[in-house]
Amino acid sequence: MVSGPSLLTFALASLALIVIPGPSVLFVIGRSLALGRLGGLLSVLGNALGTLPLIIAVALGVGALVAQSVVLFTIIKFAGAGYLIYLGIQAIRHRRHTAVTHEATPPRRSPLRLLGEGFVVGLTNPKSLVFFVAVLPQFVDYRRDAIPLQLFELGVVFLALALVSDSMWALAAGTARQWFGRSPRRVERLGATGGVLMIGLGGVLALTGVKH
């Protein structure tokens, strides 16, 4: 187990990083604008579940190998970027369905599908993998045993904080969608805006994050 002071320091450092809007926040906002609060929250949960295998991989030492492999890192990066762009295009294509009523009723989507889409985004986010590989080991107490368990524990702490923060962003964006929902045309534009955010995020992910 991680020592108390190290765990607290890590939690504070993680919180400082999480509150700054990044790719995960943009993804959540885009999904919430396109699909409403429930769609946004399910995307948040799916994204968190997709990050869990990355934490396990880092705890077992596999994450470091992937991060050091140019080929594997590039494949993961472009797979994640391509999937985000695909989701953005789908949101734009179906934007008219988001404006079917004056109450801004979001399009009906299977909860499992929403969870699955969020899971793929979380699993193929190379920035998360690099963060875990670079940061988690700095807070491990190597004088103690069970190093993999300590790495996993730190990863879960970060994941829990991110889950709460991203959920708040999802609720805020979903509430804004409901407020704009008084006008079907505004809802249509919001759906398109969410799609553009995801396409832009996919493009940024593809063009940045180059392994050095």
C-alpha atoms as a PDB file:
ATOM      1  CA  MET A   1       0.000   0.000   0.000  1.00  0.00           C
ATOM      2  CA  VAL A   2       1.104   3.570  -0.710  1.00  0.00           C
ATOM      3  CA  SER A   3       2.079   5.574   2.377  1.00  0.00           C
ATOM      4  CA  GLY A   4      -0.395   8.192   3.573  1.00  0.00           C
ATOM      5  CA  PRO A   5       1.728  11.308   2.833  1.00  0.00           C
ATOM      6  CA  SER A   6       2.605  10.069  -0.668  1.00  0.00           C
ATOM      7  CA  LEU A   7      -1.022   9.241  -1.406  1.00  0.00           C
ATOM      8  CA  LEU A   8      -2.200  12.668  -0.231  1.00  0.00           C
ATOM      9  CA  THR A   9       0.492  14.444  -2.233  1.00  0.00           C
ATOM     10  CA  PHE A  10      -0.428  12.447  -5.332  1.00  0.00           C
ATOM     11  CA  ALA A  11      -4.129  13.187  -4.861  1.00  0.00           C
ATOM     12  CA  LEU A  12      -3.472  16.932  -4.589  1.00  0.00           C
ATOM     13  CA  ALA A  13      -1.181  16.886  -7.633  1.00  0.00           C
ATOM     14  CA  SER A  14      -3.749  14.891  -9.612  1.00  0.00           C
ATOM     15  CA  LEU A  15      -6.547  17.248  -8.595  1.00  0.00           C
ATOM     16  CA  ALA A  16      -4.512  20.250  -9.752  1.00  0.00           C
ATOM     17  CA  LEU A  17      -4.030  18.565 -13.121  1.00  0.00           C
ATOM     18  CA  ILE A  18      -7.603  17.326 -13.471  1.00  0.00           C
ATOM     19  CA  VAL A  19      -9.281  20.691 -12.875  1.00  0.00           C
ATOM     20  CA  ILE A  20      -7.471  22.105 -15.926  1.00  0.00           C
ATOM     21  CA  PRO A  21      -9.680  21.282 -18.949  1.00  0.00           C
ATOM     22  CA  GLY A  22      -7.941  18.838 -21.252  1.00  0.00           C
ATOM     23  CA  PRO A  23      -8.786  16.232 -23.926  1.00  0.00           C
ATOM     24  CA  SER A  24     -10.992  14.220 -21.570  1.00  0.00           C
ATOM     25  CA  VAL A  25     -13.032  17.295 -20.646  1.00  0.00           C
ATOM     26  CA  LEU A  26     -13.455  18.304 -24.299  1.00  0.00           C
ATOM     27  CA  PHE A  27     -14.652  14.796 -25.127  1.00  0.00           C
ATOM     28  CA  VAL A  28     -17.176  14.856 -22.291  1.00  0.00           C
ATOM     29  CA  ILE A  29     -18.463  18.309 -23.224  1.00  0.00           C
ATOM     30  CA  GLY A  30     -18.815  17.321 -26.862  1.00  0.00           C
ATOM     31  CA  ARG A  31     -20.758  14.181 -25.990  1.00  0.00           C
ATOM     32  CA  SER A  32     -22.978  15.987 -23.503  1.00  0.00           C
ATOM     33  CA  LEU A  33     -23.834  18.723 -25.996  1.00  0.00           C
ATOM     34  CA  ALA A  34     -24.684  16.124 -28.622  1.00  0.00           C
ATOM     35  CA  LEU A  35     -26.424  13.516 -26.450  1.00  0.00           C
ATOM     36  CA  GLY A  36     -27.567  15.245 -23.267  1.00  0.00           C
ATOM     37  CA  ARG A  37     -26.671  14.690 -19.625  1.00  0.00           C
ATOM     38  CA  LEU A  38     -27.302  10.931 -19.570  1.00  0.00           C
ATOM     39  CA  GLY A  39     -25.263  10.407 -22.721  1.00  0.00           C
ATOM     40  CA  GLY A  40     -22.477  12.521 -21.263  1.00  0.00           C
ATOM     41  CA  LEU A  41     -22.438  10.670 -17.934  1.00  0.00           C
ATOM     42  CA  LEU A  42     -22.425   7.274 -19.639  1.00  0.00           C
ATOM     43  CA  SER A  43     -19.548   8.461 -21.813  1.00  0.00           C
ATOM     44  CA  VAL A  44     -17.688   9.549 -18.676  1.00  0.00           C
ATOM     45  CA  LEU A  45     -18.194   6.130 -17.085  1.00  0.00           C
ATOM     46  CA  GLY A  46     -17.157   4.324 -20.251  1.00  0.00           C
ATOM     47  CA  ASN A  47     -14.074   6.504 -20.578  1.00  0.00           C
ATOM     48  CA  ALA A  48     -13.115   5.689 -16.984  1.00  0.00           C
ATOM     49  CA  LEU A  49     -13.600   1.959 -17.563  1.00  0.00           C
ATOM     50  CA  GLY A  50     -11.415   2.220 -20.664  1.00  0.00           C
ATOM     51  CA  THR A  51      -8.663   3.850 -18.639  1.00  0.00           C
ATOM     52  CA  LEU A  52      -8.649   1.013 -16.106  1.00  0.00           C
ATOM     53  CA  PRO A  53      -6.805  -1.453 -18.415  1.00  0.00           C
ATOM     54  CA  LEU A  54      -4.122   1.213 -18.955  1.00  0.00           C
ATOM     55  CA  ILE A  55      -3.629   1.463 -15.185  1.00  0.00           C
ATOM     56  CA  ILE A  56      -3.349  -2.316 -14.923  1.00  0.00           C
ATOM     57  CA  ALA A  57      -0.868  -2.366 -17.805  1.00  0.00           C
ATOM     58  CA  VAL A  58       1.290   0.259 -16.102  1.00  0.00           C
ATOM     59  CA  ALA A  59       1.128  -1.581 -12.778  1.00  0.00           C
ATOM     60  CA  LEU A  60       2.325  -4.778 -14.464  1.00  0.00           C
ATOM     61  CA  GLY A  61       5.081  -3.007 -16.409  1.00  0.00           C
ATOM     62  CA  VAL A  62       3.456  -3.455 -19.823  1.00  0.00           C
ATOM     63  CA  GLY A  63       2.618   0.246 -20.110  1.00  0.00           C
ATOM     64  CA  ALA A  64       6.267   1.243 -20.045  1.00  0.00           C
ATOM     65  CA  LEU A  65       7.024  -1.136 -22.911  1.00  0.00           C
ATOM     66  CA  VAL A  66       4.196   0.296 -25.007  1.00  0.00           C
ATOM     67  CA  ALA A  67       5.236   3.874 -24.261  1.00  0.00           C
ATOM     68  CA  GLN A  68       8.783   3.057 -25.401  1.00  0.00           C
ATOM     69  CA  SER A  69       7.617   1.461 -28.665  1.00  0.00           C
ATOM     70  CA  VAL A  70       7.223   3.992 -31.458  1.00  0.00           C
ATOM     71  CA  VAL A  71       5.099   1.615 -33.546  1.00  0.00           C
ATOM     72  CA  LEU A  72       2.673   0.598 -30.788  1.00  0.00           C
ATOM     73  CA  PHE A  73       2.399   4.138 -29.458  1.00  0.00           C
ATOM     74  CA  THR A  74       1.639   5.499 -32.939  1.00  0.00           C
ATOM     75  CA  ILE A  75      -0.968   2.812 -33.606  1.00  0.00           C
ATOM     76  CA  ILE A  76      -2.771   3.591 -30.347  1.00  0.00           C
ATOM     77  CA  LYS A  77      -2.566   7.328 -30.983  1.00  0.00           C
ATOM     78  CA  PHE A  78      -4.053   7.208 -34.475  1.00  0.00           C
ATOM     79  CA  ALA A  79      -6.657   4.619 -33.504  1.00  0.00           C
ATOM     80  CA  GLY A  80      -7.909   6.921 -30.743  1.00  0.00           C
ATOM     81  CA  ALA A  81      -7.797   9.990 -32.967  1.00  0.00           C
ATOM     82  CA  GLY A  82      -9.650   8.224 -35.772  1.00  0.00           C
ATOM     83  CA  TYR A  83     -12.367   6.988 -33.434  1.00  0.00           C
ATOM     84  CA  LEU A  84     -12.916  10.478 -31.987  1.00  0.00           C
ATOM     85  CA  ILE A  85     -13.226  11.902 -35.498  1.00  0.00           C
ATOM     86  CA  TYR A  86     -15.708   9.156 -36.372  1.00  0.00           C
ATOM     87  CA  LEU A  87     -17.843   9.967 -33.319  1.00  0.00           C
ATOM     88  CA  GLY A  88     -17.719  13.662 -34.219  1.00  0.00           C
ATOM     89  CA  ILE A  89     -18.863  13.010 -37.775  1.00  0.00           C
ATOM     90  CA  GLN A  90     -21.709  10.850 -36.477  1.00  0.00           C
ATOM     91  CA  ALA A  91     -22.793  13.650 -34.125  1.00  0.00           C
ATOM     92  CA  ILE A  92     -22.863  16.142 -37.009  1.00  0.00           C
ATOM     93  CA  ARG A  93     -24.672  13.742 -39.325  1.00  0.00           C
ATOM     94  CA  HIS A  94     -27.409  13.094 -36.762  1.00  0.00           C
ATOM     95  CA  ARG A  95     -27.638  16.636 -35.413  1.00  0.00           C
ATOM     96  CA  ARG A  96     -31.177  17.060 -36.751  1.00  0.00           C
ATOM     97  CA  HIS A  97     -32.339  14.188 -34.561  1.00  0.00           C
ATOM     98  CA  THR A  98     -31.204  16.125 -31.506  1.00  0.00           C
ATOM     99  CA  ALA A  99     -33.788  18.814 -32.231  1.00  0.00           C
ATOM    100  CA  VAL A 100     -36.911  16.677 -32.561  1.00  0.00           C
ATOM    101  CA  THR A 101     -38.756  18.522 -29.768  1.00  0.00           C
ATOM    102  CA  HIS A 102     -38.611  21.887 -28.076  1.00  0.00           C
ATOM    103  CA  GLU A 103     -37.430  20.054 -24.916  1.00  0.00           C
ATOM    104  CA  ALA A 104     -34.143  19.065 -26.551  1.00  0.00           C
ATOM    105  CA  THR A 105     -34.775  15.364 -26.173  1.00  0.00           C
ATOM    106  CA  PRO A 106     -31.506  13.659 -27.094  1.00  0.00           C
ATOM    107  CA  PRO A 107     -31.471  10.840 -29.659  1.00  0.00           C
ATOM    108  CA  ARG A 108     -32.146   7.422 -28.183  1.00  0.00           C
ATOM    109  CA  ARG A 109     -28.929   5.445 -27.911  1.00  0.00           C
ATOM    110  CA  SER A 110     -28.292   2.160 -26.191  1.00  0.00           C
ATOM    111  CA  PRO A 111     -26.599   2.697 -22.799  1.00  0.00           C
ATOM    112  CA  LEU A 112     -24.253  -0.194 -23.574  1.00  0.00           C
ATOM    113  CA  ARG A 113     -23.310   1.445 -26.855  1.00  0.00           C
ATOM    114  CA  LEU A 114     -22.570   4.744 -25.127  1.00  0.00           C
ATOM    115  CA  LEU A 115     -20.482   2.951 -22.509  1.00  0.00           C
ATOM    116  CA  GLY A 116     -18.664   1.054 -25.241  1.00  0.00           C
ATOM    117  CA  GLU A 117     -17.856   4.187 -27.225  1.00  0.00           C
ATOM    118  CA  GLY A 118     -16.511   5.891 -24.120  1.00  0.00           C
ATOM    119  CA  PHE A 119     -14.514   2.761 -23.272  1.00  0.00           C
ATOM    120  CA  VAL A 120     -12.778   2.758 -26.658  1.00  0.00           C
ATOM    121  CA  VAL A 121     -11.883   6.445 -26.299  1.00  0.00           C
ATOM    122  CA  GLY A 122     -10.418   5.865 -22.830  1.00  0.00           C
ATOM    123  CA  LEU A 123      -8.518   2.751 -23.910  1.00  0.00           C
ATOM    124  CA  THR A 124      -6.957   4.411 -26.964  1.00  0.00           C
ATOM    125  CA  ASN A 125      -5.897   7.645 -25.253  1.00  0.00           C
ATOM    126  CA  PRO A 126      -2.070   7.593 -25.435  1.00  0.00           C
ATOM    127  CA  LYS A 127      -1.799  10.721 -23.292  1.00  0.00           C
ATOM    128  CA  SER A 128      -3.263   8.813 -20.334  1.00  0.00           C
ATOM    129  CA  LEU A 129      -0.804   5.977 -20.845  1.00  0.00           C
ATOM    130  CA  VAL A 130       2.186   8.328 -20.986  1.00  0.00           C
ATOM    131  CA  PHE A 131       0.934  10.206 -17.909  1.00  0.00           C
ATOM    132  CA  PHE A 132       0.617   7.029 -15.876  1.00  0.00           C
ATOM    133  CA  VAL A 133       4.024   5.748 -16.986  1.00  0.00           C
ATOM    134  CA  ALA A 134       5.755   9.050 -16.221  1.00  0.00           C
ATOM    135  CA  VAL A 135       3.978  10.165 -13.051  1.00  0.00           C
ATOM    136  CA  LEU A 136       2.816   7.173 -11.007  1.00  0.00           C
ATOM    137  CA  PRO A 137       6.291   5.735 -10.305  1.00  0.00           C
ATOM    138  CA  GLN A 138       7.355   9.046  -8.736  1.00  0.00           C
ATOM    139  CA  PHE A 139       4.923   8.512  -5.848  1.00  0.00           C
ATOM    140  CA  VAL A 140       5.715   4.859  -5.185  1.00  0.00           C
ATOM    141  CA  ASP A 141       7.521   3.965  -1.963  1.00  0.00           C
ATOM    142  CA  TYR A 142      10.163   1.531  -3.220  1.00  0.00           C
ATOM    143  CA  ARG A 143      11.104   0.616   0.342  1.00  0.00           C
ATOM    144  CA  ARG A 144       7.767  -1.156   0.603  1.00  0.00           C
ATOM    145  CA  ASP A 145       6.751  -4.360  -1.147  1.00  0.00           C
ATOM    146  CA  ALA A 146       4.024  -4.840  -3.743  1.00  0.00           C
ATOM    147  CA  ILE A 147       5.139  -2.151  -6.196  1.00  0.00           C
ATOM    148  CA  PRO A 148       2.469  -3.149  -8.778  1.00  0.00           C
ATOM    149  CA  LEU A 149      -0.215  -2.807  -6.100  1.00  0.00           C
ATOM    150  CA  GLN A 150       1.021   0.689  -5.225  1.00  0.00           C
ATOM    151  CA  LEU A 151       0.962   1.715  -8.896  1.00  0.00           C
ATOM    152  CA  PHE A 152      -2.556   0.350  -9.262  1.00  0.00           C
ATOM    153  CA  GLU A 153      -3.711   2.130  -6.117  1.00  0.00           C
ATOM    154  CA  LEU A 154      -2.377   5.476  -7.373  1.00  0.00           C
ATOM    155  CA  GLY A 155      -4.013   4.940 -10.731  1.00  0.00           C
ATOM    156  CA  VAL A 156      -7.382   4.217  -9.135  1.00  0.00           C
ATOM    157  CA  VAL A 157      -7.120   7.385  -7.022  1.00  0.00           C
ATOM    158  CA  PHE A 158      -6.493   9.448 -10.157  1.00  0.00           C
ATOM    159  CA  LEU A 159      -9.331   7.668 -11.959  1.00  0.00           C
ATOM    160  CA  ALA A 160     -11.795   8.338  -9.131  1.00  0.00           C
ATOM    161  CA  LEU A 161     -10.933  12.051  -9.038  1.00  0.00           C
ATOM    162  CA  ALA A 162     -11.203  12.312 -12.815  1.00  0.00           C
ATOM    163  CA  LEU A 163     -14.548  10.489 -12.756  1.00  0.00           C
ATOM    164  CA  VAL A 164     -16.034  13.029 -10.349  1.00  0.00           C
ATOM    165  CA  SER A 165     -14.602  16.009 -12.225  1.00  0.00           C
ATOM    166  CA  ASP A 166     -15.669  14.779 -15.671  1.00  0.00           C
ATOM    167  CA  SER A 167     -19.155  13.991 -14.366  1.00  0.00           C
ATOM    168  CA  MET A 168     -19.521  17.597 -13.229  1.00  0.00           C
ATOM    169  CA  TRP A 169     -18.519  18.808 -16.698  1.00  0.00           C
ATOM    170  CA  ALA A 170     -21.033  16.407 -18.243  1.00  0.00           C
ATOM    171  CA  LEU A 171     -23.832  17.693 -16.015  1.00  0.00           C
ATOM    172  CA  ALA A 172     -22.924  21.318 -16.749  1.00  0.00           C
ATOM    173  CA  ALA A 173     -22.795  20.799 -20.521  1.00  0.00           C
ATOM    174  CA  GLY A 174     -25.952  18.689 -20.470  1.00  0.00           C
ATOM    175  CA  THR A 175     -27.762  21.373 -18.482  1.00  0.00           C
ATOM    176  CA  ALA A 176     -26.650  24.015 -20.976  1.00  0.00           C
ATOM    177  CA  ARG A 177     -28.051  21.813 -23.720  1.00  0.00           C
ATOM    178  CA  GLN A 178     -31.400  21.690 -21.965  1.00  0.00           C
ATOM    179  CA  TRP A 179     -31.397  25.462 -21.561  1.00  0.00           C
ATOM    180  CA  PHE A 180     -30.686  26.021 -25.255  1.00  0.00           C
ATOM    181  CA  GLY A 181     -33.291  23.379 -26.014  1.00  0.00           C
ATOM    182  CA  ARG A 182     -36.040  25.973 -26.048  1.00  0.00           C
ATOM    183  CA  SER A 183     -35.151  26.425 -29.706  1.00  0.00           C
ATOM    184  CA  PRO A 184     -34.875  23.297 -31.895  1.00  0.00           C
ATOM    185  CA  ARG A 185     -32.480  25.131 -34.212  1.00  0.00           C
ATOM    186  CA  ARG A 186     -30.200  25.913 -31.284  1.00  0.00           C
ATOM    187  CA  VAL A 187     -30.253  22.262 -30.258  1.00  0.00           C
ATOM    188  CA  GLU A 188     -29.267  21.281 -33.785  1.00  0.00           C
ATOM    189  CA  ARG A 189     -26.355  23.695 -33.646  1.00  0.00           C
ATOM    190  CA  LEU A 190     -25.336  22.345 -30.247  1.00  0.00           C
ATOM    191  CA  GLY A 191     -25.251  18.811 -31.637  1.00  0.00           C
ATOM    192  CA  ALA A 192     -23.055  20.004 -34.483  1.00  0.00           C
ATOM    193  CA  THR A 193     -20.847  21.903 -32.023  1.00  0.00           C
ATOM    194  CA  GLY A 194     -20.325  18.750 -29.998  1.00  0.00           C
ATOM    195  CA  GLY A 195     -19.343  16.919 -33.179  1.00  0.00           C
ATOM    196  CA  VAL A 196     -16.896  19.646 -34.170  1.00  0.00           C
ATOM    197  CA  LEU A 197     -15.301  19.501 -30.700  1.00  0.00           C
ATOM    198  CA  MET A 198     -14.719  15.772 -31.027  1.00  0.00           C
ATOM    199  CA  ILE A 199     -13.348  16.067 -34.570  1.00  0.00           C
ATOM    200  CA  GLY A 200     -11.024  18.848 -33.441  1.00  0.00           C
ATOM    201  CA  LEU A 201      -9.912  16.801 -30.454  1.00  0.00           C
ATOM    202  CA  GLY A 202      -9.201  13.848 -32.731  1.00  0.00           C
ATOM    203  CA  GLY A 203      -7.140  16.066 -35.036  1.00  0.00           C
ATOM    204  CA  VAL A 204      -5.143  17.504 -32.142  1.00  0.00           C
ATOM    205  CA  LEU A 205      -4.516  14.016 -30.783  1.00  0.00           C
ATOM    206  CA  ALA A 206      -3.272  12.843 -34.187  1.00  0.00           C
ATOM    207  CA  LEU A 207      -0.965  15.816 -34.721  1.00  0.00           C
ATOM    208  CA  THR A 208       0.445  16.099 -31.200  1.00  0.00           C
ATOM    209  CA  GLY A 209       1.594  13.729 -28.535  1.00  0.00           C
ATOM    210  CA  VAL A 210       4.515  12.648 -30.696  1.00  0.00           C
ATOM    211  CA  LYS A 211       6.785  10.283 -28.795  1.00  0.00           C
ATOM    212  CA  HIS A 212      10.208  11.688 -28.063  1.00  0.00           C
END
